[in-house]
Amino acid sequence: QLAAAAGSDVLWKPLNNHILMNTRDPSAAVRLSSLKALKELFEVIGEEYLVLLPECLPFLSELLEDNNPDVEAQCRRTLKFAEDLSGEDLDTFL
C-alpha cells in the first residue's frame, strides 16, 4: 500500500530493486516472500508498475529454474499476472 501511495516510479525503483535482490537469498522462504511482494506490487499499482518489468525479467527468468517447487510456482504466477497486465507474451524475454 505504501508503494501505491508513493505514486512514482522514481520511488518504486529502490523498493523493486530491494525485492529483486531478495529473490537471490539462500532461503527459499525469503525468495518466495519476495515473489509474493512483487506480484502484490503489480496487482496494487497496476499498469504503471510495468515500467519496472524489464529489470524484473532477468530475476524472474532465474527463478523459473529454482530448486524449490513453491518458488518456481510463485514465479510462474507472478509472470502470468504481469503478462496479463501487459498484454505481452513474456516468454521471448526470458
N, C-alpha and C. Protein backbone atom coordinates (compact mmCIF):
# COMPACT_ATOMS: atom_id res chain seq x y z
N GLN A 1 0.81 -1.19 0.00
CA GLN A 1 0.00 0.00 0.00
C GLN A 1 0.86 1.26 0.00
N LEU A 2 1.99 1.19 0.70
CA LEU A 2 2.89 2.33 0.74
C LEU A 2 3.39 2.68 -0.65
N ALA A 3 3.75 1.68 -1.43
CA ALA A 3 4.25 1.92 -2.79
C ALA A 3 3.17 2.56 -3.65
N ALA A 4 1.93 2.11 -3.49
CA ALA A 4 0.83 2.69 -4.27
C ALA A 4 0.62 4.15 -3.89
N ALA A 5 0.75 4.45 -2.61
CA ALA A 5 0.57 5.83 -2.15
C ALA A 5 1.68 6.74 -2.67
N ALA A 6 2.88 6.18 -2.87
CA ALA A 6 4.00 6.99 -3.35
C ALA A 6 3.72 7.53 -4.75
N GLY A 7 3.11 6.71 -5.59
CA GLY A 7 2.65 7.16 -6.90
C GLY A 7 3.73 7.56 -7.89
N SER A 8 4.95 7.09 -7.72
CA SER A 8 6.02 7.50 -8.62
C SER A 8 7.01 6.36 -8.83
N ASP A 9 7.33 6.10 -10.10
CA ASP A 9 8.29 5.03 -10.37
C ASP A 9 9.68 5.37 -9.85
N VAL A 10 9.96 6.64 -9.64
CA VAL A 10 11.24 7.04 -9.05
C VAL A 10 11.34 6.50 -7.62
N LEU A 11 10.23 6.49 -6.92
CA LEU A 11 10.20 5.96 -5.55
C LEU A 11 10.04 4.44 -5.52
N TRP A 12 9.41 3.89 -6.56
CA TRP A 12 9.20 2.44 -6.60
C TRP A 12 10.49 1.70 -6.93
N LYS A 13 11.36 2.32 -7.70
CA LYS A 13 12.57 1.64 -8.19
C LYS A 13 13.45 1.09 -7.07
N PRO A 14 13.77 1.87 -6.01
CA PRO A 14 14.59 1.30 -4.93
C PRO A 14 13.91 0.13 -4.22
N LEU A 15 12.61 0.23 -4.03
CA LEU A 15 11.85 -0.86 -3.41
C LEU A 15 11.90 -2.10 -4.29
N ASN A 16 11.66 -1.90 -5.57
CA ASN A 16 11.69 -3.01 -6.52
C ASN A 16 13.07 -3.68 -6.53
N ASN A 17 14.11 -2.87 -6.54
CA ASN A 17 15.47 -3.40 -6.55
C ASN A 17 15.74 -4.23 -5.29
N HIS A 18 15.30 -3.75 -4.16
CA HIS A 18 15.49 -4.48 -2.90
C HIS A 18 14.76 -5.82 -2.94
N ILE A 19 13.54 -5.81 -3.45
CA ILE A 19 12.78 -7.06 -3.57
C ILE A 19 13.49 -8.02 -4.51
N LEU A 20 13.95 -7.51 -5.64
CA LEU A 20 14.63 -8.37 -6.61
C LEU A 20 15.91 -8.98 -6.02
N MET A 21 16.65 -8.20 -5.28
CA MET A 21 17.87 -8.73 -4.65
C MET A 21 17.54 -9.84 -3.65
N ASN A 22 16.40 -9.72 -2.99
CA ASN A 22 15.98 -10.76 -2.05
C ASN A 22 15.58 -12.06 -2.75
N THR A 23 15.30 -11.99 -4.05
CA THR A 23 14.97 -13.23 -4.77
C THR A 23 16.20 -14.10 -4.96
N ARG A 24 17.36 -13.57 -4.62
CA ARG A 24 18.60 -14.36 -4.71
C ARG A 24 19.08 -14.83 -3.33
N ASP A 25 18.25 -14.67 -2.33
CA ASP A 25 18.58 -15.10 -0.98
C ASP A 25 18.69 -16.63 -0.93
N PRO A 26 19.60 -17.15 -0.11
CA PRO A 26 19.71 -18.62 0.00
C PRO A 26 18.45 -19.28 0.55
N SER A 27 17.66 -18.55 1.30
CA SER A 27 16.45 -19.11 1.91
C SER A 27 15.28 -19.10 0.92
N ALA A 28 14.70 -20.27 0.71
CA ALA A 28 13.54 -20.38 -0.18
C ALA A 28 12.37 -19.55 0.35
N ALA A 29 12.23 -19.47 1.65
CA ALA A 29 11.13 -18.68 2.24
C ALA A 29 11.27 -17.20 1.88
N VAL A 30 12.49 -16.70 1.88
CA VAL A 30 12.72 -15.30 1.53
C VAL A 30 12.45 -15.09 0.04
N ARG A 31 12.90 -16.01 -0.81
CA ARG A 31 12.65 -15.91 -2.24
C ARG A 31 11.15 -15.93 -2.52
N LEU A 32 10.44 -16.82 -1.85
CA LEU A 32 9.00 -16.95 -2.04
C LEU A 32 8.29 -15.67 -1.60
N SER A 33 8.65 -15.15 -0.44
CA SER A 33 8.03 -13.91 0.06
C SER A 33 8.32 -12.74 -0.86
N SER A 34 9.51 -12.71 -1.42
CA SER A 34 9.87 -11.63 -2.34
C SER A 34 9.01 -11.68 -3.60
N LEU A 35 8.80 -12.88 -4.11
CA LEU A 35 7.95 -13.02 -5.29
C LEU A 35 6.50 -12.62 -4.99
N LYS A 36 6.03 -12.97 -3.83
CA LYS A 36 4.67 -12.59 -3.45
C LYS A 36 4.56 -11.07 -3.34
N ALA A 37 5.59 -10.44 -2.78
CA ALA A 37 5.59 -8.98 -2.67
C ALA A 37 5.62 -8.34 -4.05
N LEU A 38 6.42 -8.89 -4.95
CA LEU A 38 6.50 -8.35 -6.31
C LEU A 38 5.15 -8.46 -7.02
N LYS A 39 4.52 -9.61 -6.91
CA LYS A 39 3.20 -9.79 -7.54
C LYS A 39 2.19 -8.81 -6.95
N GLU A 40 2.26 -8.60 -5.65
CA GLU A 40 1.35 -7.66 -4.98
C GLU A 40 1.55 -6.24 -5.53
N LEU A 41 2.78 -5.87 -5.79
CA LEU A 41 3.05 -4.54 -6.36
C LEU A 41 2.41 -4.41 -7.74
N PHE A 42 2.53 -5.44 -8.55
CA PHE A 42 1.88 -5.42 -9.86
C PHE A 42 0.36 -5.35 -9.71
N GLU A 43 -0.19 -6.06 -8.74
CA GLU A 43 -1.63 -6.07 -8.53
C GLU A 43 -2.14 -4.72 -8.04
N VAL A 44 -1.47 -4.16 -7.05
CA VAL A 44 -1.95 -2.92 -6.42
C VAL A 44 -1.71 -1.71 -7.30
N ILE A 45 -0.52 -1.61 -7.86
CA ILE A 45 -0.19 -0.42 -8.66
C ILE A 45 -0.70 -0.55 -10.09
N GLY A 46 -0.68 -1.76 -10.61
CA GLY A 46 -1.24 -1.99 -11.93
C GLY A 46 -0.30 -1.64 -13.07
N GLU A 47 -0.87 -1.18 -14.17
CA GLU A 47 -0.11 -0.92 -15.39
C GLU A 47 1.05 0.04 -15.19
N GLU A 48 0.92 0.97 -14.29
CA GLU A 48 2.00 1.92 -14.05
C GLU A 48 3.28 1.22 -13.60
N TYR A 49 3.14 0.10 -12.92
CA TYR A 49 4.30 -0.62 -12.41
C TYR A 49 5.05 -1.37 -13.51
N LEU A 50 4.42 -1.52 -14.67
CA LEU A 50 5.05 -2.23 -15.77
C LEU A 50 6.33 -1.55 -16.25
N VAL A 51 6.52 -0.29 -15.92
CA VAL A 51 7.75 0.41 -16.28
C VAL A 51 8.97 -0.29 -15.66
N LEU A 52 8.77 -1.02 -14.57
CA LEU A 52 9.86 -1.73 -13.90
C LEU A 52 9.96 -3.20 -14.32
N LEU A 53 9.08 -3.64 -15.17
CA LEU A 53 9.09 -5.05 -15.61
C LEU A 53 10.40 -5.45 -16.29
N PRO A 54 10.99 -4.62 -17.16
CA PRO A 54 12.24 -5.05 -17.80
C PRO A 54 13.36 -5.40 -16.82
N GLU A 55 13.45 -4.68 -15.72
CA GLU A 55 14.50 -5.04 -14.77
C GLU A 55 14.13 -6.25 -13.92
N CYS A 56 12.86 -6.61 -13.89
CA CYS A 56 12.42 -7.80 -13.15
C CYS A 56 12.67 -9.09 -13.93
N LEU A 57 12.62 -9.02 -15.24
CA LEU A 57 12.65 -10.22 -16.06
C LEU A 57 13.88 -11.11 -15.87
N PRO A 58 15.11 -10.57 -15.77
CA PRO A 58 16.24 -11.48 -15.55
C PRO A 58 16.13 -12.26 -14.23
N PHE A 59 15.60 -11.62 -13.21
CA PHE A 59 15.43 -12.28 -11.91
C PHE A 59 14.35 -13.36 -12.01
N LEU A 60 13.25 -13.03 -12.67
CA LEU A 60 12.17 -14.00 -12.82
C LEU A 60 12.63 -15.18 -13.67
N SER A 61 13.43 -14.91 -14.67
CA SER A 61 13.97 -15.98 -15.51
C SER A 61 14.78 -16.97 -14.67
N GLU A 62 15.61 -16.45 -13.77
CA GLU A 62 16.40 -17.32 -12.88
C GLU A 62 15.49 -18.15 -11.98
N LEU A 63 14.44 -17.52 -11.48
CA LEU A 63 13.56 -18.20 -10.52
C LEU A 63 12.69 -19.27 -11.16
N LEU A 64 12.56 -19.23 -12.48
CA LEU A 64 11.82 -20.30 -13.16
C LEU A 64 12.55 -21.64 -13.03
N GLU A 65 13.82 -21.57 -12.69
CA GLU A 65 14.63 -22.79 -12.54
C GLU A 65 15.01 -23.03 -11.08
N ASP A 66 14.26 -22.44 -10.16
CA ASP A 66 14.56 -22.58 -8.74
C ASP A 66 14.40 -24.04 -8.29
N ASN A 67 15.24 -24.44 -7.34
CA ASN A 67 15.17 -25.80 -6.79
C ASN A 67 13.88 -26.06 -6.03
N ASN A 68 13.33 -25.00 -5.46
CA ASN A 68 12.13 -25.14 -4.64
C ASN A 68 10.88 -25.03 -5.52
N PRO A 69 10.03 -26.05 -5.53
CA PRO A 69 8.85 -26.02 -6.40
C PRO A 69 7.86 -24.90 -6.05
N ASP A 70 7.79 -24.51 -4.78
CA ASP A 70 6.89 -23.42 -4.40
C ASP A 70 7.37 -22.09 -4.98
N VAL A 71 8.68 -21.88 -4.96
CA VAL A 71 9.25 -20.65 -5.53
C VAL A 71 9.01 -20.62 -7.03
N GLU A 72 9.27 -21.73 -7.69
CA GLU A 72 9.05 -21.80 -9.14
C GLU A 72 7.59 -21.54 -9.49
N ALA A 73 6.67 -22.14 -8.74
CA ALA A 73 5.24 -21.96 -9.00
C ALA A 73 4.83 -20.51 -8.78
N GLN A 74 5.33 -19.89 -7.71
CA GLN A 74 5.00 -18.48 -7.46
C GLN A 74 5.58 -17.59 -8.56
N CYS A 75 6.74 -17.93 -9.05
CA CYS A 75 7.34 -17.18 -10.14
C CYS A 75 6.44 -17.26 -11.38
N ARG A 76 5.94 -18.44 -11.68
CA ARG A 76 5.04 -18.60 -12.83
C ARG A 76 3.76 -17.79 -12.65
N ARG A 77 3.23 -17.75 -11.43
CA ARG A 77 2.02 -16.95 -11.17
C ARG A 77 2.32 -15.46 -11.34
N THR A 78 3.47 -15.03 -10.86
CA THR A 78 3.86 -13.63 -10.98
C THR A 78 4.02 -13.25 -12.46
N LEU A 79 4.70 -14.10 -13.20
CA LEU A 79 4.88 -13.85 -14.63
C LEU A 79 3.55 -13.83 -15.37
N LYS A 80 2.68 -14.76 -15.05
CA LYS A 80 1.36 -14.82 -15.70
C LYS A 80 0.58 -13.54 -15.43
N PHE A 81 0.63 -13.05 -14.20
CA PHE A 81 -0.07 -11.82 -13.88
C PHE A 81 0.52 -10.65 -14.67
N ALA A 82 1.84 -10.57 -14.73
CA ALA A 82 2.49 -9.50 -15.47
C ALA A 82 2.17 -9.58 -16.96
N GLU A 83 2.10 -10.80 -17.49
CA GLU A 83 1.72 -10.98 -18.90
C GLU A 83 0.30 -10.49 -19.14
N ASP A 84 -0.61 -10.88 -18.28
CA ASP A 84 -2.00 -10.46 -18.42
C ASP A 84 -2.12 -8.95 -18.32
N LEU A 85 -1.38 -8.36 -17.41
CA LEU A 85 -1.42 -6.92 -17.19
C LEU A 85 -0.86 -6.17 -18.40
N SER A 86 0.22 -6.69 -18.95
CA SER A 86 0.88 -6.00 -20.06
C SER A 86 0.28 -6.35 -21.42
N GLY A 87 -0.36 -7.50 -21.50
CA GLY A 87 -0.87 -7.95 -22.79
C GLY A 87 0.22 -8.51 -23.69
N GLU A 88 1.40 -8.73 -23.14
CA GLU A 88 2.55 -9.23 -23.90
C GLU A 88 2.86 -10.67 -23.49
N ASP A 89 3.38 -11.44 -24.45
CA ASP A 89 3.91 -12.77 -24.15
C ASP A 89 5.36 -12.56 -23.70
N LEU A 90 5.63 -12.82 -22.44
CA LEU A 90 6.95 -12.53 -21.89
C LEU A 90 7.96 -13.65 -22.12
N ASP A 91 7.52 -14.78 -22.65
CA ASP A 91 8.44 -15.91 -22.88
C ASP A 91 9.64 -15.51 -23.74
N THR A 92 9.42 -14.64 -24.70
CA THR A 92 10.50 -14.24 -25.61
C THR A 92 11.56 -13.41 -24.90
N PHE A 93 11.22 -12.84 -23.72
CA PHE A 93 12.16 -12.01 -22.97
C PHE A 93 12.88 -12.78 -21.88
N LEU A 94 12.52 -14.05 -21.68
CA LEU A 94 13.09 -14.82 -20.57
C LEU A 94 14.25 -15.69 -21.02
